[in-house]
Amino acid sequence: MDPLPPVPTAAWAADSPAVLGEGPCQPPLMLVGEQPGDEEDRLGRPFVGPAGRLLDRALVSAGIERRACYVTNAVKHFKFVPRGTRRLHQKPDTGDITLYRPFLLAELRRVAPRLLVAMGATAAQALLGQKVGVTKLRGEVMPGPDQQPLLITVHPSYLLRLPDPAMREAEYARFVQDLEAASAWSKASR
């Protein structure tokens, strides 16, 4: 197995360790998010903060074991703006996505999942090399990098930001359906 190249480091991330992906090689699903959040940065693990807890709940609802999946992010460092003692998320820009993309693609080749799941616009852009409309392509399996099958869905943090409880519940159910579809596709492709 080829070793991964060194993780690039954006200038804004010079004092912060990279948060690498985790999980088995050749999994049914490789879940790709945007970037680590505050808790992920502090703990050095992907998807352990609020969005990760929601992802875990959705995976259980979809009948998917997280430990059977490979979980990672497009950008490997937490980009934030300090506000007193808090560190507020700052969305990675196209330059950040471009910087980390070669590492993500090397990670993808090494992990070799049956299906990629891009959670959110940043992950989709990193995997496809261009901006795409998540809501237009959501739930569809399409060719990704090197013709790797790819399904696009929303990022769990999107669900956390929805102000209306009824809409949040409906979108959560739709997210679970996307994960169920991804699981079914990966099982059918064995």
N, C-alpha and C. Protein backbone atom coordinates (compact mmCIF):
# COMPACT_ATOMS: atom_id res chain seq x y z
N MET A 1 0.85 -1.18 0.00
CA MET A 1 0.00 0.00 0.00
C MET A 1 0.89 1.24 0.00
N ASP A 2 0.60 2.15 -0.90
CA ASP A 2 1.40 3.37 -1.00
C ASP A 2 1.15 4.26 0.22
N PRO A 3 2.22 4.86 0.74
CA PRO A 3 2.02 5.78 1.86
C PRO A 3 1.36 7.06 1.36
N LEU A 4 0.65 7.72 2.24
CA LEU A 4 0.04 9.00 1.89
C LEU A 4 1.12 10.06 1.81
N PRO A 5 0.93 11.06 0.95
CA PRO A 5 1.89 12.16 0.91
C PRO A 5 1.78 12.98 2.20
N PRO A 6 2.73 13.87 2.45
CA PRO A 6 2.58 14.74 3.63
C PRO A 6 1.31 15.58 3.51
N VAL A 7 0.68 15.82 4.64
CA VAL A 7 -0.53 16.65 4.65
C VAL A 7 -0.12 18.09 4.40
N PRO A 8 -0.75 18.75 3.42
CA PRO A 8 -0.44 20.16 3.22
C PRO A 8 -0.94 20.97 4.43
N THR A 9 -0.37 22.12 4.61
CA THR A 9 -0.80 22.98 5.71
C THR A 9 -1.00 24.39 5.17
N ALA A 10 -2.23 24.87 5.24
CA ALA A 10 -2.53 26.24 4.83
C ALA A 10 -1.83 27.19 5.80
N ALA A 11 -1.52 28.38 5.34
CA ALA A 11 -0.83 29.37 6.18
C ALA A 11 -1.61 29.63 7.47
N TRP A 12 -2.94 29.66 7.38
CA TRP A 12 -3.75 29.92 8.57
C TRP A 12 -3.74 28.75 9.55
N ALA A 13 -3.22 27.59 9.14
CA ALA A 13 -3.24 26.40 9.99
C ALA A 13 -1.87 26.03 10.56
N ALA A 14 -0.91 26.94 10.46
CA ALA A 14 0.47 26.62 10.83
C ALA A 14 0.63 26.11 12.26
N ASP A 15 -0.21 26.55 13.18
CA ASP A 15 -0.07 26.15 14.58
C ASP A 15 -1.01 25.02 14.99
N SER A 16 -1.62 24.37 14.02
CA SER A 16 -2.65 23.40 14.36
C SER A 16 -2.33 22.05 13.70
N PRO A 17 -2.53 20.94 14.42
CA PRO A 17 -2.27 19.63 13.81
C PRO A 17 -3.38 19.25 12.83
N ALA A 18 -3.02 18.47 11.84
CA ALA A 18 -4.02 17.98 10.89
C ALA A 18 -4.90 16.93 11.57
N VAL A 19 -6.16 16.90 11.20
CA VAL A 19 -7.09 15.87 11.66
C VAL A 19 -7.30 14.93 10.49
N LEU A 20 -6.75 13.75 10.60
CA LEU A 20 -6.79 12.78 9.50
C LEU A 20 -8.03 11.90 9.59
N GLY A 21 -8.33 11.25 8.49
CA GLY A 21 -9.46 10.34 8.45
C GLY A 21 -9.20 9.09 9.27
N GLU A 22 -10.28 8.35 9.54
CA GLU A 22 -10.14 7.10 10.29
C GLU A 22 -11.17 6.10 9.80
N GLY A 23 -10.77 4.84 9.90
CA GLY A 23 -11.65 3.76 9.50
C GLY A 23 -10.88 2.73 8.69
N PRO A 24 -11.58 1.68 8.26
CA PRO A 24 -10.91 0.59 7.55
C PRO A 24 -10.65 0.93 6.08
N CYS A 25 -9.73 0.20 5.49
CA CYS A 25 -9.53 0.26 4.04
C CYS A 25 -10.57 -0.63 3.37
N GLN A 26 -10.92 -0.30 2.17
CA GLN A 26 -11.93 -0.99 1.36
C GLN A 26 -13.28 -1.09 2.08
N PRO A 27 -13.73 0.02 2.66
CA PRO A 27 -15.03 0.01 3.34
C PRO A 27 -16.16 0.13 2.33
N PRO A 28 -17.37 -0.16 2.76
CA PRO A 28 -18.50 0.07 1.86
C PRO A 28 -18.68 1.56 1.56
N LEU A 29 -18.44 2.41 2.58
CA LEU A 29 -18.65 3.85 2.42
C LEU A 29 -17.45 4.64 2.94
N MET A 30 -17.10 5.70 2.21
CA MET A 30 -16.14 6.70 2.68
C MET A 30 -16.92 8.00 2.78
N LEU A 31 -17.12 8.47 4.01
CA LEU A 31 -17.89 9.68 4.27
C LEU A 31 -16.93 10.86 4.33
N VAL A 32 -17.16 11.88 3.50
CA VAL A 32 -16.27 13.04 3.41
C VAL A 32 -17.05 14.28 3.80
N GLY A 33 -16.56 14.99 4.80
CA GLY A 33 -17.15 16.24 5.23
C GLY A 33 -16.31 17.43 4.80
N GLU A 34 -16.59 18.57 5.40
CA GLU A 34 -15.93 19.82 5.02
C GLU A 34 -14.54 19.95 5.64
N GLN A 35 -14.51 20.09 6.96
CA GLN A 35 -13.27 20.31 7.70
C GLN A 35 -13.53 19.95 9.16
N PRO A 36 -12.47 19.72 9.93
CA PRO A 36 -12.69 19.48 11.36
C PRO A 36 -13.31 20.72 12.01
N GLY A 37 -14.07 20.50 13.06
CA GLY A 37 -14.59 21.60 13.85
C GLY A 37 -13.73 21.78 15.09
N ASP A 38 -14.20 22.59 16.02
CA ASP A 38 -13.45 22.90 17.23
C ASP A 38 -13.13 21.64 18.03
N GLU A 39 -14.14 20.79 18.28
CA GLU A 39 -13.89 19.57 19.07
C GLU A 39 -12.98 18.60 18.33
N GLU A 40 -13.18 18.48 17.03
CA GLU A 40 -12.33 17.59 16.23
C GLU A 40 -10.88 18.06 16.28
N ASP A 41 -10.68 19.36 16.19
CA ASP A 41 -9.33 19.93 16.24
C ASP A 41 -8.68 19.65 17.60
N ARG A 42 -9.44 19.81 18.65
CA ARG A 42 -8.90 19.59 20.00
C ARG A 42 -8.62 18.10 20.28
N LEU A 43 -9.48 17.21 19.75
CA LEU A 43 -9.34 15.77 20.01
C LEU A 43 -8.55 15.03 18.93
N GLY A 44 -8.34 15.67 17.77
CA GLY A 44 -7.57 15.04 16.71
C GLY A 44 -8.29 13.92 15.97
N ARG A 45 -9.63 13.93 16.00
CA ARG A 45 -10.43 12.89 15.35
C ARG A 45 -11.56 13.53 14.56
N PRO A 46 -11.93 12.96 13.40
CA PRO A 46 -13.01 13.54 12.61
C PRO A 46 -14.40 13.20 13.17
N PHE A 47 -15.30 14.13 13.03
CA PHE A 47 -16.71 13.94 13.36
C PHE A 47 -16.95 13.43 14.78
N VAL A 48 -16.42 14.17 15.76
CA VAL A 48 -16.67 13.85 17.17
C VAL A 48 -17.41 14.97 17.88
N GLY A 49 -17.64 16.09 17.19
CA GLY A 49 -18.37 17.21 17.77
C GLY A 49 -19.87 17.08 17.53
N PRO A 50 -20.61 18.20 17.60
CA PRO A 50 -22.06 18.15 17.42
C PRO A 50 -22.49 17.53 16.08
N ALA A 51 -21.83 17.91 14.98
CA ALA A 51 -22.18 17.33 13.67
C ALA A 51 -21.87 15.84 13.65
N GLY A 52 -20.79 15.44 14.31
CA GLY A 52 -20.43 14.03 14.38
C GLY A 52 -21.42 13.22 15.18
N ARG A 53 -21.91 13.80 16.26
CA ARG A 53 -22.91 13.09 17.06
C ARG A 53 -24.22 12.92 16.26
N LEU A 54 -24.58 13.94 15.49
CA LEU A 54 -25.77 13.83 14.65
C LEU A 54 -25.53 12.80 13.54
N LEU A 55 -24.34 12.80 12.95
CA LEU A 55 -24.00 11.78 11.95
C LEU A 55 -24.10 10.38 12.55
N ASP A 56 -23.56 10.20 13.74
CA ASP A 56 -23.63 8.88 14.40
C ASP A 56 -25.08 8.43 14.56
N ARG A 57 -25.93 9.34 14.99
CA ARG A 57 -27.35 9.01 15.18
C ARG A 57 -28.00 8.64 13.85
N ALA A 58 -27.68 9.39 12.79
CA ALA A 58 -28.24 9.12 11.47
C ALA A 58 -27.73 7.78 10.93
N LEU A 59 -26.47 7.48 11.16
CA LEU A 59 -25.93 6.19 10.72
C LEU A 59 -26.66 5.04 11.41
N VAL A 60 -26.90 5.17 12.71
CA VAL A 60 -27.65 4.13 13.43
C VAL A 60 -29.06 4.01 12.84
N SER A 61 -29.71 5.14 12.59
CA SER A 61 -31.06 5.12 12.01
C SER A 61 -31.07 4.45 10.63
N ALA A 62 -29.96 4.60 9.90
CA ALA A 62 -29.85 4.01 8.56
C ALA A 62 -29.35 2.56 8.58
N GLY A 63 -29.04 2.05 9.79
CA GLY A 63 -28.55 0.68 9.91
C GLY A 63 -27.11 0.50 9.46
N ILE A 64 -26.32 1.55 9.60
CA ILE A 64 -24.92 1.54 9.19
C ILE A 64 -24.02 1.63 10.42
N GLU A 65 -23.02 0.78 10.49
CA GLU A 65 -22.05 0.86 11.58
C GLU A 65 -20.96 1.85 11.22
N ARG A 66 -20.78 2.87 12.04
CA ARG A 66 -19.75 3.87 11.75
C ARG A 66 -18.37 3.22 11.63
N ARG A 67 -18.08 2.24 12.47
CA ARG A 67 -16.74 1.64 12.45
C ARG A 67 -16.47 0.89 11.16
N ALA A 68 -17.51 0.59 10.38
CA ALA A 68 -17.33 -0.06 9.08
C ALA A 68 -17.05 0.96 7.97
N CYS A 69 -17.24 2.25 8.28
CA CYS A 69 -17.04 3.33 7.31
C CYS A 69 -15.69 4.00 7.53
N TYR A 70 -15.19 4.64 6.49
CA TYR A 70 -14.02 5.50 6.62
C TYR A 70 -14.57 6.92 6.65
N VAL A 71 -14.17 7.71 7.64
CA VAL A 71 -14.70 9.06 7.84
C VAL A 71 -13.54 10.06 7.77
N THR A 72 -13.70 11.08 6.95
CA THR A 72 -12.64 12.07 6.77
C THR A 72 -13.25 13.41 6.38
N ASN A 73 -12.38 14.39 6.15
CA ASN A 73 -12.80 15.72 5.71
C ASN A 73 -11.98 16.14 4.50
N ALA A 74 -12.55 17.03 3.69
CA ALA A 74 -11.85 17.55 2.52
C ALA A 74 -10.65 18.40 2.94
N VAL A 75 -10.85 19.26 3.91
CA VAL A 75 -9.80 20.13 4.46
C VAL A 75 -9.40 19.52 5.80
N LYS A 76 -8.12 19.40 6.04
CA LYS A 76 -7.63 18.64 7.20
C LYS A 76 -7.33 19.47 8.44
N HIS A 77 -7.50 20.78 8.36
CA HIS A 77 -7.28 21.66 9.52
C HIS A 77 -8.55 22.46 9.78
N PHE A 78 -8.73 22.89 11.02
CA PHE A 78 -9.88 23.69 11.43
C PHE A 78 -9.61 25.16 11.14
N LYS A 79 -10.37 25.71 10.21
CA LYS A 79 -10.26 27.14 9.88
C LYS A 79 -11.28 27.88 10.74
N PHE A 80 -10.79 28.84 11.51
CA PHE A 80 -11.69 29.52 12.45
C PHE A 80 -11.29 30.98 12.63
N VAL A 81 -12.20 31.71 13.25
CA VAL A 81 -11.98 33.10 13.65
C VAL A 81 -12.10 33.13 15.17
N PRO A 82 -11.06 33.62 15.89
CA PRO A 82 -11.18 33.69 17.35
C PRO A 82 -12.15 34.79 17.78
N ARG A 83 -13.00 34.45 18.73
CA ARG A 83 -13.95 35.41 19.33
C ARG A 83 -13.87 35.23 20.83
N GLY A 84 -12.97 35.95 21.47
CA GLY A 84 -12.75 35.76 22.90
C GLY A 84 -12.17 34.39 23.14
N THR A 85 -12.84 33.60 23.96
CA THR A 85 -12.36 32.24 24.24
C THR A 85 -12.91 31.22 23.24
N ARG A 86 -13.83 31.65 22.37
CA ARG A 86 -14.44 30.74 21.40
C ARG A 86 -13.70 30.79 20.07
N ARG A 87 -13.80 29.70 19.33
CA ARG A 87 -13.23 29.64 17.98
C ARG A 87 -14.38 29.33 17.03
N LEU A 88 -14.76 30.33 16.24
CA LEU A 88 -15.91 30.20 15.36
C LEU A 88 -15.50 29.70 13.98
N HIS A 89 -16.20 28.71 13.50
CA HIS A 89 -15.98 28.10 12.19
C HIS A 89 -15.90 29.16 11.10
N GLN A 90 -14.93 29.01 10.22
CA GLN A 90 -14.83 29.83 9.02
C GLN A 90 -14.79 28.89 7.83
N LYS A 91 -15.67 29.09 6.88
CA LYS A 91 -15.78 28.19 5.73
C LYS A 91 -14.49 28.21 4.91
N PRO A 92 -13.99 27.02 4.54
CA PRO A 92 -12.82 26.99 3.66
C PRO A 92 -13.17 27.61 2.30
N ASP A 93 -12.21 28.31 1.71
CA ASP A 93 -12.45 28.89 0.39
C ASP A 93 -11.90 27.97 -0.69
N THR A 94 -12.07 28.36 -1.94
CA THR A 94 -11.62 27.53 -3.06
C THR A 94 -10.13 27.25 -2.98
N GLY A 95 -9.33 28.22 -2.56
CA GLY A 95 -7.89 28.01 -2.42
C GLY A 95 -7.58 26.93 -1.38
N ASP A 96 -8.30 26.93 -0.27
CA ASP A 96 -8.11 25.90 0.77
C ASP A 96 -8.47 24.52 0.21
N ILE A 97 -9.59 24.45 -0.47
CA ILE A 97 -10.05 23.17 -1.04
C ILE A 97 -9.03 22.65 -2.05
N THR A 98 -8.53 23.54 -2.89
CA THR A 98 -7.53 23.17 -3.90
C THR A 98 -6.24 22.68 -3.26
N LEU A 99 -5.81 23.33 -2.18
CA LEU A 99 -4.58 22.95 -1.49
C LEU A 99 -4.66 21.52 -0.95
N TYR A 100 -5.78 21.18 -0.33
CA TYR A 100 -5.93 19.87 0.32
C TYR A 100 -6.40 18.76 -0.63
N ARG A 101 -6.89 19.12 -1.82
CA ARG A 101 -7.48 18.13 -2.74
C ARG A 101 -6.52 16.99 -3.10
N PRO A 102 -5.25 17.25 -3.44
CA PRO A 102 -4.37 16.12 -3.78
C PRO A 102 -4.24 15.10 -2.64
N PHE A 103 -4.20 15.58 -1.40
CA PHE A 103 -4.13 14.66 -0.26
C PHE A 103 -5.41 13.85 -0.16
N LEU A 104 -6.56 14.50 -0.32
CA LEU A 104 -7.85 13.80 -0.26
C LEU A 104 -7.92 12.73 -1.35
N LEU A 105 -7.48 13.05 -2.55
CA LEU A 105 -7.52 12.07 -3.64
C LEU A 105 -6.56 10.91 -3.37
N ALA A 106 -5.39 11.19 -2.79
CA ALA A 106 -4.47 10.11 -2.41
C ALA A 106 -5.09 9.25 -1.32
N GLU A 107 -5.77 9.89 -0.38
CA GLU A 107 -6.47 9.16 0.69
C GLU A 107 -7.55 8.26 0.09
N LEU A 108 -8.28 8.77 -0.87
CA LEU A 108 -9.33 8.01 -1.54
C LEU A 108 -8.74 6.78 -2.25
N ARG A 109 -7.65 6.96 -2.99
CA ARG A 109 -7.03 5.83 -3.69
C ARG A 109 -6.54 4.78 -2.69
N ARG A 110 -6.03 5.23 -1.56
CA ARG A 110 -5.52 4.29 -0.55
C ARG A 110 -6.66 3.54 0.15
N VAL A 111 -7.73 4.24 0.47
CA VAL A 111 -8.86 3.63 1.19
C VAL A 111 -9.69 2.73 0.28
N ALA A 112 -9.87 3.12 -0.97
CA ALA A 112 -10.60 2.33 -1.97
C ALA A 112 -11.99 1.88 -1.50
N PRO A 113 -12.87 2.85 -1.20
CA PRO A 113 -14.23 2.48 -0.79
C PRO A 113 -15.07 2.03 -1.98
N ARG A 114 -16.17 1.36 -1.69
CA ARG A 114 -17.12 1.02 -2.76
C ARG A 114 -17.86 2.27 -3.22
N LEU A 115 -18.18 3.17 -2.26
CA LEU A 115 -18.94 4.37 -2.59
C LEU A 115 -18.45 5.54 -1.75
N LEU A 116 -18.27 6.68 -2.39
CA LEU A 116 -17.94 7.93 -1.70
C LEU A 116 -19.24 8.64 -1.36
N VAL A 117 -19.31 9.23 -0.18
CA VAL A 117 -20.45 10.05 0.20
C VAL A 117 -19.91 11.43 0.53
N ALA A 118 -20.20 12.40 -0.35
CA ALA A 118 -19.79 13.79 -0.14
C ALA A 118 -20.87 14.47 0.67
N MET A 119 -20.52 14.86 1.89
CA MET A 119 -21.49 15.53 2.76
C MET A 119 -21.25 17.03 2.70
N GLY A 120 -22.05 17.71 1.88
CA GLY A 120 -21.97 19.15 1.77
C GLY A 120 -21.21 19.63 0.55
N ALA A 121 -21.33 20.94 0.30
CA ALA A 121 -20.77 21.56 -0.89
C ALA A 121 -19.25 21.52 -0.93
N THR A 122 -18.59 21.71 0.20
CA THR A 122 -17.12 21.70 0.22
C THR A 122 -16.60 20.33 -0.15
N ALA A 123 -17.17 19.28 0.41
CA ALA A 123 -16.74 17.92 0.10
C ALA A 123 -17.00 17.61 -1.38
N ALA A 124 -18.17 18.00 -1.88
CA ALA A 124 -18.49 17.75 -3.29
C ALA A 124 -17.51 18.49 -4.20
N GLN A 125 -17.21 19.74 -3.88
CA GLN A 125 -16.27 20.51 -4.68
C GLN A 125 -14.88 19.89 -4.65
N ALA A 126 -14.45 19.45 -3.48
CA ALA A 126 -13.12 18.83 -3.36
C ALA A 126 -13.04 17.54 -4.16
N LEU A 127 -14.09 16.76 -4.15
CA LEU A 127 -14.06 15.47 -4.85
C LEU A 127 -14.27 15.61 -6.35
N LEU A 128 -15.10 16.55 -6.76
CA LEU A 128 -15.40 16.71 -8.19
C LEU A 128 -14.52 17.74 -8.88
N GLY A 129 -13.81 18.55 -8.10
CA GLY A 129 -12.92 19.55 -8.70
C GLY A 129 -13.64 20.79 -9.20
N GLN A 130 -14.90 20.93 -8.84
CA GLN A 130 -15.67 22.11 -9.23
C GLN A 130 -16.87 22.27 -8.30
N LYS A 131 -17.39 23.48 -8.24
CA LYS A 131 -18.58 23.72 -7.43
C LYS A 131 -19.78 23.07 -8.09
N VAL A 132 -20.63 22.47 -7.26
CA VAL A 132 -21.86 21.84 -7.75
C VAL A 132 -23.00 22.17 -6.80
N GLY A 133 -24.21 22.07 -7.28
CA GLY A 133 -25.39 22.31 -6.46
C GLY A 133 -25.77 21.06 -5.68
N VAL A 134 -25.57 21.10 -4.38
CA VAL A 134 -25.86 19.94 -3.54
C VAL A 134 -27.35 19.58 -3.63
N THR A 135 -28.22 20.56 -3.57
CA THR A 135 -29.65 20.26 -3.57
C THR A 135 -30.10 19.67 -4.91
N LYS A 136 -29.45 20.06 -6.01
CA LYS A 136 -29.81 19.51 -7.33
C LYS A 136 -29.36 18.06 -7.48
N LEU A 137 -28.19 17.74 -6.93
CA LEU A 137 -27.59 16.42 -7.14
C LEU A 137 -27.75 15.47 -5.95
N ARG A 138 -28.39 15.95 -4.92
CA ARG A 138 -28.52 15.18 -3.68
C ARG A 138 -29.16 13.82 -3.92
N GLY A 139 -28.54 12.78 -3.37
CA GLY A 139 -29.09 11.44 -3.42
C GLY A 139 -28.78 10.66 -4.68
N GLU A 140 -28.16 11.29 -5.68
CA GLU A 140 -27.82 10.60 -6.92
C GLU A 140 -26.43 9.99 -6.82
N VAL A 141 -26.25 8.81 -7.39
CA VAL A 141 -24.92 8.23 -7.51
C VAL A 141 -24.40 8.61 -8.89
N MET A 142 -23.21 9.19 -8.92
CA MET A 142 -22.60 9.68 -10.16
C MET A 142 -21.11 9.37 -10.16
N PRO A 143 -20.45 9.50 -11.28
CA PRO A 143 -19.00 9.28 -11.30
C PRO A 143 -18.28 10.39 -10.54
N GLY A 144 -17.37 9.99 -9.68
CA GLY A 144 -16.54 10.93 -8.94
C GLY A 144 -15.12 10.88 -9.47
N PRO A 145 -14.14 11.20 -8.65
CA PRO A 145 -12.76 11.17 -9.10
C PRO A 145 -12.37 9.76 -9.57
N ASP A 146 -11.66 9.69 -10.69
CA ASP A 146 -11.23 8.41 -11.27
C ASP A 146 -12.42 7.46 -11.45
N GLN A 147 -13.59 8.01 -11.76
CA GLN A 147 -14.82 7.24 -11.98
C GLN A 147 -15.32 6.52 -10.73
N GLN A 148 -14.78 6.87 -9.58
CA GLN A 148 -15.24 6.30 -8.30
C GLN A 148 -16.69 6.73 -8.08
N PRO A 149 -17.61 5.81 -7.80
CA PRO A 149 -19.00 6.20 -7.56
C PRO A 149 -19.11 7.14 -6.36
N LEU A 150 -19.96 8.14 -6.52
CA LEU A 150 -20.09 9.22 -5.53
C LEU A 150 -21.56 9.57 -5.35
N LEU A 151 -21.97 9.70 -4.10
CA LEU A 151 -23.31 10.18 -3.76
C LEU A 151 -23.14 11.47 -2.97
N ILE A 152 -23.91 12.48 -3.33
CA ILE A 152 -23.85 13.77 -2.64
C ILE A 152 -25.07 13.90 -1.73
N THR A 153 -24.82 14.39 -0.52
CA THR A 153 -25.89 14.71 0.41
C THR A 153 -25.50 15.97 1.19
N VAL A 154 -26.31 16.34 2.13
CA VAL A 154 -26.02 17.52 2.95
C VAL A 154 -25.01 17.16 4.04
N HIS A 155 -24.41 18.17 4.60
CA HIS A 155 -23.52 17.99 5.75
C HIS A 155 -24.38 17.99 7.01
N PRO A 156 -24.06 17.15 7.99
CA PRO A 156 -24.86 17.13 9.23
C PRO A 156 -24.98 18.50 9.91
N SER A 157 -23.97 19.36 9.76
CA SER A 157 -24.05 20.68 10.40
C SER A 157 -25.18 21.52 9.79
N TYR A 158 -25.53 21.26 8.54
CA TYR A 158 -26.67 21.94 7.92
C TYR A 158 -27.93 21.67 8.72
N LEU A 159 -28.10 20.42 9.13
CA LEU A 159 -29.29 20.04 9.90
C LEU A 159 -29.32 20.74 11.25
N LEU A 160 -28.13 20.89 11.85
CA LEU A 160 -28.05 21.55 13.16
C LEU A 160 -28.41 23.03 13.09
N ARG A 161 -28.22 23.63 11.92
CA ARG A 161 -28.48 25.07 11.78
C ARG A 161 -29.92 25.41 11.39
N LEU A 162 -30.72 24.41 11.04
CA LEU A 162 -32.10 24.69 10.64
C LEU A 162 -32.90 25.18 11.84
N PRO A 163 -33.50 26.37 11.75
CA PRO A 163 -34.20 26.93 12.91
C PRO A 163 -35.57 26.31 13.19
N ASP A 164 -36.24 25.83 12.16
CA ASP A 164 -37.58 25.30 12.33
C ASP A 164 -37.52 23.81 12.69
N PRO A 165 -38.07 23.42 13.86
CA PRO A 165 -38.01 22.01 14.28
C PRO A 165 -38.63 21.03 13.29
N ALA A 166 -39.76 21.39 12.68
CA ALA A 166 -40.41 20.49 11.72
C ALA A 166 -39.53 20.30 10.48
N MET A 167 -38.92 21.37 10.02
CA MET A 167 -38.03 21.28 8.86
C MET A 167 -36.78 20.47 9.21
N ARG A 168 -36.27 20.69 10.42
CA ARG A 168 -35.09 19.94 10.87
C ARG A 168 -35.39 18.44 10.90
N GLU A 169 -36.57 18.08 11.40
CA GLU A 169 -36.97 16.67 11.47
C GLU A 169 -37.12 16.07 10.07
N ALA A 170 -37.75 16.83 9.16
CA ALA A 170 -37.94 16.35 7.79
C ALA A 170 -36.59 16.19 7.07
N GLU A 171 -35.71 17.15 7.25
CA GLU A 171 -34.40 17.08 6.59
C GLU A 171 -33.53 15.99 7.20
N TYR A 172 -33.67 15.75 8.49
CA TYR A 172 -32.95 14.65 9.12
C TYR A 172 -33.41 13.32 8.51
N ALA A 173 -34.72 13.15 8.35
CA ALA A 173 -35.27 11.93 7.75
C ALA A 173 -34.74 11.76 6.33
N ARG A 174 -34.64 12.85 5.60
CA ARG A 174 -34.12 12.79 4.23
C ARG A 174 -32.63 12.43 4.23
N PHE A 175 -31.89 12.95 5.20
CA PHE A 175 -30.46 12.62 5.33
C PHE A 175 -30.30 11.12 5.61
N VAL A 176 -31.14 10.59 6.50
CA VAL A 176 -31.11 9.15 6.78
C VAL A 176 -31.43 8.37 5.51
N GLN A 177 -32.39 8.84 4.74
CA GLN A 177 -32.72 8.16 3.47
C GLN A 177 -31.52 8.16 2.52
N ASP A 178 -30.79 9.28 2.47
CA ASP A 178 -29.59 9.34 1.63
C ASP A 178 -28.56 8.31 2.09
N LEU A 179 -28.38 8.20 3.40
CA LEU A 179 -27.42 7.21 3.93
C LEU A 179 -27.90 5.78 3.65
N GLU A 180 -29.20 5.54 3.78
CA GLU A 180 -29.75 4.21 3.46
C GLU A 180 -29.53 3.88 1.99
N ALA A 181 -29.72 4.87 1.11
CA ALA A 181 -29.51 4.67 -0.33
C ALA A 181 -28.04 4.37 -0.61
N ALA A 182 -27.14 5.08 0.07
CA ALA A 182 -25.71 4.84 -0.09
C ALA A 182 -25.36 3.42 0.35
N SER A 183 -25.89 3.00 1.47
CA SER A 183 -25.62 1.67 1.99
C SER A 183 -26.14 0.60 1.03
N ALA A 184 -27.37 0.79 0.56
CA ALA A 184 -27.96 -0.17 -0.38
C ALA A 184 -27.14 -0.24 -1.67
N TRP A 185 -26.70 0.91 -2.17
CA TRP A 185 -25.89 0.92 -3.40
C TRP A 185 -24.59 0.18 -3.18
N SER A 186 -23.93 0.43 -2.03
CA SER A 186 -22.63 -0.20 -1.78
C SER A 186 -22.78 -1.72 -1.64
N LYS A 187 -23.90 -2.18 -1.08
CA LYS A 187 -24.13 -3.62 -0.93
C LYS A 187 -24.42 -4.26 -2.30
N ALA A 188 -25.14 -3.55 -3.14
CA ALA A 188 -25.48 -4.08 -4.47
C ALA A 188 -24.26 -4.13 -5.38
N SER A 189 -23.25 -3.32 -5.09
CA SER A 189 -22.07 -3.25 -5.97
C SER A 189 -20.97 -4.24 -5.58
N ARG A 190 -21.22 -5.08 -4.60
CA ARG A 190 -20.19 -6.04 -4.17
C ARG A 190 -19.80 -6.98 -5.29
